[in-house]
All heavy atoms as atom14 arrays in JSON, in Angstrom:
{
  "sequence": "GSYSITQYHRSLPTVARLHLDQQLTDADVTEPYAEDNTK",
  "atom14_mask": [
    [1, 1, 1, 1, 0, 0, 0, 0, 0, 0, 0, 0, 0, 0],
    [1, 1, 1, 1, 1, 1, 0, 0, 0, 0, 0, 0, 0, 0],
    [1, 1, 1, 1, 1, 1, 1, 1, 1, 1, 1, 1, 0, 0],
    [1, 1, 1, 1, 1, 1, 0, 0, 0, 0, 0, 0, 0, 0],
    [1, 1, 1, 1, 1, 1, 1, 1, 0, 0, 0, 0, 0, 0],
    [1, 1, 1, 1, 1, 1, 1, 0, 0, 0, 0, 0, 0, 0],
    [1, 1, 1, 1, 1, 1, 1, 1, 1, 0, 0, 0, 0, 0],
    [1, 1, 1, 1, 1, 1, 1, 1, 1, 1, 1, 1, 0, 0],
    [1, 1, 1, 1, 1, 1, 1, 1, 1, 1, 0, 0, 0, 0],
    [1, 1, 1, 1, 1, 1, 1, 1, 1, 1, 1, 0, 0, 0],
    [1, 1, 1, 1, 1, 1, 0, 0, 0, 0, 0, 0, 0, 0],
    [1, 1, 1, 1, 1, 1, 1, 1, 0, 0, 0, 0, 0, 0],
    [1, 1, 1, 1, 1, 1, 1, 0, 0, 0, 0, 0, 0, 0],
    [1, 1, 1, 1, 1, 1, 1, 0, 0, 0, 0, 0, 0, 0],
    [1, 1, 1, 1, 1, 1, 1, 0, 0, 0, 0, 0, 0, 0],
    [1, 1, 1, 1, 1, 0, 0, 0, 0, 0, 0, 0, 0, 0],
    [1, 1, 1, 1, 1, 1, 1, 1, 1, 1, 1, 0, 0, 0],
    [1, 1, 1, 1, 1, 1, 1, 1, 0, 0, 0, 0, 0, 0],
    [1, 1, 1, 1, 1, 1, 1, 1, 1, 1, 0, 0, 0, 0],
    [1, 1, 1, 1, 1, 1, 1, 1, 0, 0, 0, 0, 0, 0],
    [1, 1, 1, 1, 1, 1, 1, 1, 0, 0, 0, 0, 0, 0],
    [1, 1, 1, 1, 1, 1, 1, 1, 1, 0, 0, 0, 0, 0],
    [1, 1, 1, 1, 1, 1, 1, 1, 1, 0, 0, 0, 0, 0],
    [1, 1, 1, 1, 1, 1, 1, 1, 0, 0, 0, 0, 0, 0],
    [1, 1, 1, 1, 1, 1, 1, 0, 0, 0, 0, 0, 0, 0],
    [1, 1, 1, 1, 1, 1, 1, 1, 0, 0, 0, 0, 0, 0],
    [1, 1, 1, 1, 1, 0, 0, 0, 0, 0, 0, 0, 0, 0],
    [1, 1, 1, 1, 1, 1, 1, 1, 0, 0, 0, 0, 0, 0],
    [1, 1, 1, 1, 1, 1, 1, 0, 0, 0, 0, 0, 0, 0],
    [1, 1, 1, 1, 1, 1, 1, 0, 0, 0, 0, 0, 0, 0],
    [1, 1, 1, 1, 1, 1, 1, 1, 1, 0, 0, 0, 0, 0],
    [1, 1, 1, 1, 1, 1, 1, 0, 0, 0, 0, 0, 0, 0],
    [1, 1, 1, 1, 1, 1, 1, 1, 1, 1, 1, 1, 0, 0],
    [1, 1, 1, 1, 1, 0, 0, 0, 0, 0, 0, 0, 0, 0],
    [1, 1, 1, 1, 1, 1, 1, 1, 1, 0, 0, 0, 0, 0],
    [1, 1, 1, 1, 1, 1, 1, 1, 0, 0, 0, 0, 0, 0],
    [1, 1, 1, 1, 1, 1, 1, 1, 0, 0, 0, 0, 0, 0],
    [1, 1, 1, 1, 1, 1, 1, 0, 0, 0, 0, 0, 0, 0],
    [1, 1, 1, 1, 1, 1, 1, 1, 1, 0, 0, 0, 0, 0]
  ],
  "atom14_positions": [
    [[0.78, -1.23, 0.0], [0.0, 0.0, 0.0], [0.8, 1.28, 0.0], [0.23, 2.37, -0.04], [0.0, 0.0, 0.0], [0.0, 0.0, 0.0], [0.0, 0.0, 0.0], [0.0, 0.0, 0.0], [0.0, 0.0, 0.0], [0.0, 0.0, 0.0], [0.0, 0.0, 0.0], [0.0, 0.0, 0.0], [0.0, 0.0, 0.0], [0.0, 0.0, 0.0]],
    [[2.13, 1.19, 0.05], [2.95, 2.41, 0.11], [3.82, 2.59, -1.12], [4.67, 3.47, -1.16], [3.82, 2.39, 1.37], [4.58, 1.19, 1.45], [0.0, 0.0, 0.0], [0.0, 0.0, 0.0], [0.0, 0.0, 0.0], [0.0, 0.0, 0.0], [0.0, 0.0, 0.0], [0.0, 0.0, 0.0], [0.0, 0.0, 0.0], [0.0, 0.0, 0.0]],
    [[3.62, 1.74, -2.12], [4.43, 1.81, -3.33], [3.57, 1.88, -4.59], [2.5, 1.28, -4.65], [5.35, 0.58, -3.45], [6.3, 0.4, -2.29], [6.12, -0.65, -1.39], [7.38, 1.26, -2.1], [6.99, -0.83, -0.33], [8.26, 1.08, -1.05], [8.06, 0.03, -0.16], [8.92, -0.13, 0.89], [0.0, 0.0, 0.0], [0.0, 0.0, 0.0]],
    [[4.08, 2.6, -5.57], [3.48, 2.61, -6.91], [4.45, 1.85, -7.81], [5.6, 2.27, -7.98], [3.3, 4.05, -7.4], [2.8, 4.07, -8.71], [0.0, 0.0, 0.0], [0.0, 0.0, 0.0], [0.0, 0.0, 0.0], [0.0, 0.0, 0.0], [0.0, 0.0, 0.0], [0.0, 0.0, 0.0], [0.0, 0.0, 0.0], [0.0, 0.0, 0.0]],
    [[4.0, 0.75, -8.36], [4.9, -0.21, -9.01], [4.89, -0.1, -10.53], [3.85, 0.01, -11.16], [4.51, -1.66, -8.63], [4.36, -1.79, -7.11], [5.52, -2.65, -9.16], [5.59, -1.43, -6.32], [0.0, 0.0, 0.0], [0.0, 0.0, 0.0], [0.0, 0.0, 0.0], [0.0, 0.0, 0.0], [0.0, 0.0, 0.0], [0.0, 0.0, 0.0]],
    [[6.09, -0.17, -11.11], [6.25, -0.3, -12.55], [7.19, -1.47, -12.81], [8.28, -1.54, -12.24], [6.85, 0.98, -13.17], [5.99, 2.08, -12.94], [7.04, 0.8, -14.68], [0.0, 0.0, 0.0], [0.0, 0.0, 0.0], [0.0, 0.0, 0.0], [0.0, 0.0, 0.0], [0.0, 0.0, 0.0], [0.0, 0.0, 0.0], [0.0, 0.0, 0.0]],
    [[6.77, -2.4, -13.66], [7.64, -3.51, -14.03], [8.57, -3.07, -15.15], [8.13, -2.52, -16.16], [6.81, -4.72, -14.48], [6.13, -5.45, -13.33], [5.47, -6.73, -13.79], [4.25, -6.82, -13.88], [6.27, -7.74, -14.09], [0.0, 0.0, 0.0], [0.0, 0.0, 0.0], [0.0, 0.0, 0.0], [0.0, 0.0, 0.0], [0.0, 0.0, 0.0]],
    [[9.83, -3.34, -14.95], [10.82, -2.92, -15.93], [10.73, -3.74, -17.22], [10.55, -4.95, -17.21], [12.25, -3.06, -15.38], [13.3, -2.86, -16.44], [13.71, -1.59, -16.8], [13.83, -3.95, -17.14], [14.64, -1.39, -17.8], [14.77, -3.76, -18.14], [15.17, -2.48, -18.47], [16.08, -2.28, -19.47], [0.0, 0.0, 0.0], [0.0, 0.0, 0.0]],
    [[10.88, -3.04, -18.32], [11.09, -3.65, -19.63], [11.82, -2.62, -20.47], [11.55, -1.42, -20.36], [9.77, -4.06, -20.29], [9.97, -4.94, -21.48], [10.27, -4.45, -22.74], [9.94, -6.29, -21.6], [10.42, -5.47, -23.58], [10.21, -6.59, -22.92], [0.0, 0.0, 0.0], [0.0, 0.0, 0.0], [0.0, 0.0, 0.0], [0.0, 0.0, 0.0]],
    [[12.72, -3.06, -21.3], [13.51, -2.11, -22.07], [12.67, -1.28, -23.03], [13.12, -0.25, -23.53], [14.63, -2.82, -22.83], [14.16, -3.86, -23.84], [15.33, -4.56, -24.5], [16.18, -3.62, -25.24], [17.35, -3.95, -25.76], [17.84, -5.18, -25.59], [18.05, -3.07, -26.44], [0.0, 0.0, 0.0], [0.0, 0.0, 0.0], [0.0, 0.0, 0.0]],
    [[11.42, -1.73, -23.28], [10.54, -0.98, -24.18], [9.7, 0.08, -23.45], [8.92, 0.78, -24.09], [9.6, -1.93, -24.93], [8.73, -2.59, -24.03], [0.0, 0.0, 0.0], [0.0, 0.0, 0.0], [0.0, 0.0, 0.0], [0.0, 0.0, 0.0], [0.0, 0.0, 0.0], [0.0, 0.0, 0.0], [0.0, 0.0, 0.0], [0.0, 0.0, 0.0]],
    [[9.88, 0.2, -22.13], [9.19, 1.28, -21.42], [9.56, 2.61, -22.08], [10.74, 2.84, -22.38], [9.62, 1.32, -19.95], [9.03, 0.27, -19.01], [9.71, 0.36, -17.65], [7.53, 0.46, -18.85], [0.0, 0.0, 0.0], [0.0, 0.0, 0.0], [0.0, 0.0, 0.0], [0.0, 0.0, 0.0], [0.0, 0.0, 0.0], [0.0, 0.0, 0.0]],
    [[8.59, 3.49, -22.34], [8.88, 4.73, -23.07], [10.07, 5.52, -22.54], [10.92, 5.96, -23.31], [7.57, 5.51, -22.94], [6.52, 4.46, -22.82], [7.15, 3.37, -22.01], [0.0, 0.0, 0.0], [0.0, 0.0, 0.0], [0.0, 0.0, 0.0], [0.0, 0.0, 0.0], [0.0, 0.0, 0.0], [0.0, 0.0, 0.0], [0.0, 0.0, 0.0]],
    [[10.13, 5.68, -21.21], [11.23, 6.45, -20.64], [12.57, 5.76, -20.88], [13.56, 6.4, -21.25], [11.03, 6.65, -19.13], [9.76, 7.24, -18.9], [12.11, 7.55, -18.56], [0.0, 0.0, 0.0], [0.0, 0.0, 0.0], [0.0, 0.0, 0.0], [0.0, 0.0, 0.0], [0.0, 0.0, 0.0], [0.0, 0.0, 0.0], [0.0, 0.0, 0.0]],
    [[12.6, 4.45, -20.66], [13.83, 3.69, -20.85], [14.24, 3.68, -22.32], [15.42, 3.87, -22.66], [13.66, 2.25, -20.33], [14.91, 1.41, -20.64], [13.38, 2.26, -18.84], [0.0, 0.0, 0.0], [0.0, 0.0, 0.0], [0.0, 0.0, 0.0], [0.0, 0.0, 0.0], [0.0, 0.0, 0.0], [0.0, 0.0, 0.0], [0.0, 0.0, 0.0]],
    [[13.27, 3.49, -23.2], [13.56, 3.47, -24.64], [14.13, 4.8, -25.1], [15.06, 4.86, -25.92], [12.29, 3.13, -25.42], [0.0, 0.0, 0.0], [0.0, 0.0, 0.0], [0.0, 0.0, 0.0], [0.0, 0.0, 0.0], [0.0, 0.0, 0.0], [0.0, 0.0, 0.0], [0.0, 0.0, 0.0], [0.0, 0.0, 0.0], [0.0, 0.0, 0.0]],
    [[13.58, 5.89, -24.56], [14.08, 7.21, -24.93], [15.51, 7.43, -24.43], [16.36, 7.97, -25.15], [13.15, 8.3, -24.38], [13.55, 9.71, -24.82], [12.49, 10.75, -24.46], [12.28, 10.85, -23.03], [11.21, 10.39, -22.4], [10.24, 9.78, -23.06], [11.08, 10.53, -21.08], [0.0, 0.0, 0.0], [0.0, 0.0, 0.0], [0.0, 0.0, 0.0]],
    [[15.77, 7.02, -23.21], [17.12, 7.15, -22.65], [18.12, 6.3, -23.45], [19.27, 6.71, -23.66], [17.13, 6.71, -21.19], [16.41, 7.65, -20.2], [16.2, 6.96, -18.86], [17.21, 8.94, -20.01], [0.0, 0.0, 0.0], [0.0, 0.0, 0.0], [0.0, 0.0, 0.0], [0.0, 0.0, 0.0], [0.0, 0.0, 0.0], [0.0, 0.0, 0.0]],
    [[17.67, 5.14, -23.89], [18.52, 4.28, -24.7], [18.79, 4.91, -26.07], [19.92, 4.91, -26.56], [17.84, 2.91, -24.87], [18.69, 1.89, -25.54], [18.15, 0.85, -26.27], [20.04, 1.74, -25.61], [19.13, 0.1, -26.75], [20.28, 0.61, -26.35], [0.0, 0.0, 0.0], [0.0, 0.0, 0.0], [0.0, 0.0, 0.0], [0.0, 0.0, 0.0]],
    [[17.75, 5.47, -26.64], [17.88, 6.13, -27.95], [18.81, 7.33, -27.85], [19.6, 7.59, -28.77], [16.5, 6.57, -28.46], [16.45, 7.2, -29.85], [16.89, 6.19, -30.91], [15.05, 7.69, -30.16], [0.0, 0.0, 0.0], [0.0, 0.0, 0.0], [0.0, 0.0, 0.0], [0.0, 0.0, 0.0], [0.0, 0.0, 0.0], [0.0, 0.0, 0.0]],
    [[18.74, 8.04, -26.73], [19.6, 9.21, -26.52], [21.0, 8.82, -26.07], [21.83, 9.7, -25.76], [18.98, 10.13, -25.46], [17.7, 10.79, -25.95], [17.48, 10.81, -27.18], [16.92, 11.28, -25.12], [0.0, 0.0, 0.0], [0.0, 0.0, 0.0], [0.0, 0.0, 0.0], [0.0, 0.0, 0.0], [0.0, 0.0, 0.0], [0.0, 0.0, 0.0]],
    [[21.26, 7.52, -25.98], [22.57, 6.97, -25.6], [22.97, 7.31, -24.17], [24.15, 7.3, -23.83], [23.65, 7.45, -26.59], [23.41, 6.99, -28.01], [24.53, 7.37, -28.96], [25.35, 8.23, -28.66], [24.58, 6.71, -30.11], [0.0, 0.0, 0.0], [0.0, 0.0, 0.0], [0.0, 0.0, 0.0], [0.0, 0.0, 0.0], [0.0, 0.0, 0.0]],
    [[21.97, 7.61, -23.34], [22.25, 7.76, -21.92], [22.3, 6.4, -21.24], [22.86, 6.25, -20.15], [21.18, 8.64, -21.26], [21.17, 10.07, -21.75], [20.2, 10.93, -20.98], [20.32, 11.11, -19.76], [19.2, 11.48, -21.66], [0.0, 0.0, 0.0], [0.0, 0.0, 0.0], [0.0, 0.0, 0.0], [0.0, 0.0, 0.0], [0.0, 0.0, 0.0]],
    [[21.69, 5.41, -21.9], [21.76, 4.02, -21.47], [22.34, 3.19, -22.6], [21.95, 3.36, -23.76], [20.38, 3.48, -21.1], [19.69, 4.09, -19.87], [18.26, 3.57, -19.75], [20.48, 3.79, -18.6], [0.0, 0.0, 0.0], [0.0, 0.0, 0.0], [0.0, 0.0, 0.0], [0.0, 0.0, 0.0], [0.0, 0.0, 0.0], [0.0, 0.0, 0.0]],
    [[23.26, 2.29, -22.28], [23.88, 1.44, -23.29], [23.07, 0.16, -23.48], [22.15, -0.13, -22.7], [25.3, 1.06, -22.87], [25.23, 0.22, -21.7], [26.13, 2.31, -22.56], [0.0, 0.0, 0.0], [0.0, 0.0, 0.0], [0.0, 0.0, 0.0], [0.0, 0.0, 0.0], [0.0, 0.0, 0.0], [0.0, 0.0, 0.0], [0.0, 0.0, 0.0]],
    [[23.42, -0.62, -24.49], [22.78, -1.92, -24.71], [22.95, -2.8, -23.48], [22.03, -3.53, -23.08], [23.37, -2.61, -25.94], [22.97, -1.93, -27.24], [22.0, -1.15, -27.24], [23.63, -2.18, -28.27], [0.0, 0.0, 0.0], [0.0, 0.0, 0.0], [0.0, 0.0, 0.0], [0.0, 0.0, 0.0], [0.0, 0.0, 0.0], [0.0, 0.0, 0.0]],
    [[24.13, -2.76, -22.9], [24.4, -3.58, -21.72], [23.55, -3.14, -20.53], [23.11, -3.97, -19.72], [25.87, -3.5, -21.35], [0.0, 0.0, 0.0], [0.0, 0.0, 0.0], [0.0, 0.0, 0.0], [0.0, 0.0, 0.0], [0.0, 0.0, 0.0], [0.0, 0.0, 0.0], [0.0, 0.0, 0.0], [0.0, 0.0, 0.0], [0.0, 0.0, 0.0]],
    [[23.29, -1.85, -20.42], [22.48, -1.32, -19.31], [21.07, -1.88, -19.33], [20.49, -2.17, -18.26], [22.41, 0.21, -19.38], [23.71, 0.89, -18.99], [24.48, 0.3, -18.22], [23.93, 2.02, -19.47], [0.0, 0.0, 0.0], [0.0, 0.0, 0.0], [0.0, 0.0, 0.0], [0.0, 0.0, 0.0], [0.0, 0.0, 0.0], [0.0, 0.0, 0.0]],
    [[20.49, -1.99, -20.51], [19.05, -2.31, -20.6], [18.77, -3.8, -20.74], [17.61, -4.19, -20.88], [18.4, -1.54, -21.78], [18.52, -0.04, -21.57], [19.01, -1.94, -23.12], [0.0, 0.0, 0.0], [0.0, 0.0, 0.0], [0.0, 0.0, 0.0], [0.0, 0.0, 0.0], [0.0, 0.0, 0.0], [0.0, 0.0, 0.0], [0.0, 0.0, 0.0]],
    [[19.8, -4.64, -20.72], [19.59, -6.08, -20.85], [20.08, -6.81, -19.61], [20.93, -6.32, -18.87], [20.32, -6.64, -22.09], [21.71, -6.27, -22.03], [19.73, -6.09, -23.37], [0.0, 0.0, 0.0], [0.0, 0.0, 0.0], [0.0, 0.0, 0.0], [0.0, 0.0, 0.0], [0.0, 0.0, 0.0], [0.0, 0.0, 0.0], [0.0, 0.0, 0.0]],
    [[19.52, -8.01, -19.37], [19.9, -8.8, -18.21], [21.36, -9.26, -18.32], [21.91, -9.26, -19.42], [18.96, -10.0, -18.07], [18.99, -10.96, -19.25], [18.09, -12.16, -19.02], [18.18, -12.78, -17.94], [17.31, -12.46, -19.92], [0.0, 0.0, 0.0], [0.0, 0.0, 0.0], [0.0, 0.0, 0.0], [0.0, 0.0, 0.0], [0.0, 0.0, 0.0]],
    [[21.95, -9.66, -17.2], [21.41, -9.71, -15.84], [21.35, -8.33, -15.2], [22.12, -7.44, -15.55], [22.41, -10.61, -15.12], [23.71, -10.36, -15.82], [23.34, -10.16, -17.26], [0.0, 0.0, 0.0], [0.0, 0.0, 0.0], [0.0, 0.0, 0.0], [0.0, 0.0, 0.0], [0.0, 0.0, 0.0], [0.0, 0.0, 0.0], [0.0, 0.0, 0.0]],
    [[20.43, -8.19, -14.25], [20.22, -6.91, -13.59], [20.69, -6.9, -12.13], [20.99, -5.84, -11.58], [18.73, -6.53, -13.62], [18.15, -6.49, -15.01], [17.25, -7.45, -15.44], [18.54, -5.5, -15.91], [16.73, -7.41, -16.73], [18.02, -5.46, -17.2], [17.12, -6.42, -17.6], [16.6, -6.4, -18.88], [0.0, 0.0, 0.0], [0.0, 0.0, 0.0]],
    [[20.73, -8.06, -11.51], [20.96, -8.11, -10.06], [22.37, -8.53, -9.67], [22.62, -8.81, -8.49], [19.94, -9.05, -9.42], [0.0, 0.0, 0.0], [0.0, 0.0, 0.0], [0.0, 0.0, 0.0], [0.0, 0.0, 0.0], [0.0, 0.0, 0.0], [0.0, 0.0, 0.0], [0.0, 0.0, 0.0], [0.0, 0.0, 0.0], [0.0, 0.0, 0.0]],
    [[23.3, -8.6, -10.61], [24.67, -8.96, -10.25], [25.24, -7.96, -9.25], [25.98, -8.31, -8.35], [25.55, -9.02, -11.5], [25.31, -10.25, -12.35], [26.29, -10.36, -13.5], [26.87, -9.33, -13.91], [26.48, -11.49, -13.99], [0.0, 0.0, 0.0], [0.0, 0.0, 0.0], [0.0, 0.0, 0.0], [0.0, 0.0, 0.0], [0.0, 0.0, 0.0]],
    [[24.95, -6.69, -9.46], [25.26, -5.65, -8.47], [24.16, -4.6, -8.59], [23.18, -4.79, -9.31], [26.65, -5.04, -8.7], [26.83, -4.46, -10.09], [25.86, -3.85, -10.62], [27.92, -4.6, -10.67], [0.0, 0.0, 0.0], [0.0, 0.0, 0.0], [0.0, 0.0, 0.0], [0.0, 0.0, 0.0], [0.0, 0.0, 0.0], [0.0, 0.0, 0.0]],
    [[24.31, -3.51, -7.87], [23.26, -2.5, -7.86], [23.4, -1.45, -8.96], [22.49, -0.66, -9.18], [23.24, -1.79, -6.5], [23.0, -2.74, -5.35], [22.39, -3.79, -5.53], [23.49, -2.39, -4.18], [0.0, 0.0, 0.0], [0.0, 0.0, 0.0], [0.0, 0.0, 0.0], [0.0, 0.0, 0.0], [0.0, 0.0, 0.0], [0.0, 0.0, 0.0]],
    [[24.54, -1.44, -9.63], [24.88, -0.35, -10.54], [23.88, -0.17, -11.67], [23.38, 0.94, -11.91], [26.29, -0.56, -11.14], [27.23, -0.74, -10.07], [26.69, 0.62, -11.99], [0.0, 0.0, 0.0], [0.0, 0.0, 0.0], [0.0, 0.0, 0.0], [0.0, 0.0, 0.0], [0.0, 0.0, 0.0], [0.0, 0.0, 0.0], [0.0, 0.0, 0.0]],
    [[23.58, -1.24, -12.36], [22.71, -1.15, -13.53], [21.29, -0.71, -13.17], [20.74, 0.22, -13.76], [22.67, -2.5, -14.25], [21.95, -2.47, -15.58], [21.93, -3.87, -16.22], [23.31, -4.34, -16.6], [23.28, -5.62, -17.35], [0.0, 0.0, 0.0], [0.0, 0.0, 0.0], [0.0, 0.0, 0.0], [0.0, 0.0, 0.0], [0.0, 0.0, 0.0]]
  ]
}
């Protein structure tokens, strides 16, 4: 009840735009995600 949830997918509009603008790399937007916290 205290969170507003969004499930990640590389096609999310915000993520896709950041990827297109090269603020996110191909490696950033693809798994694995939990190896560390950085990505």
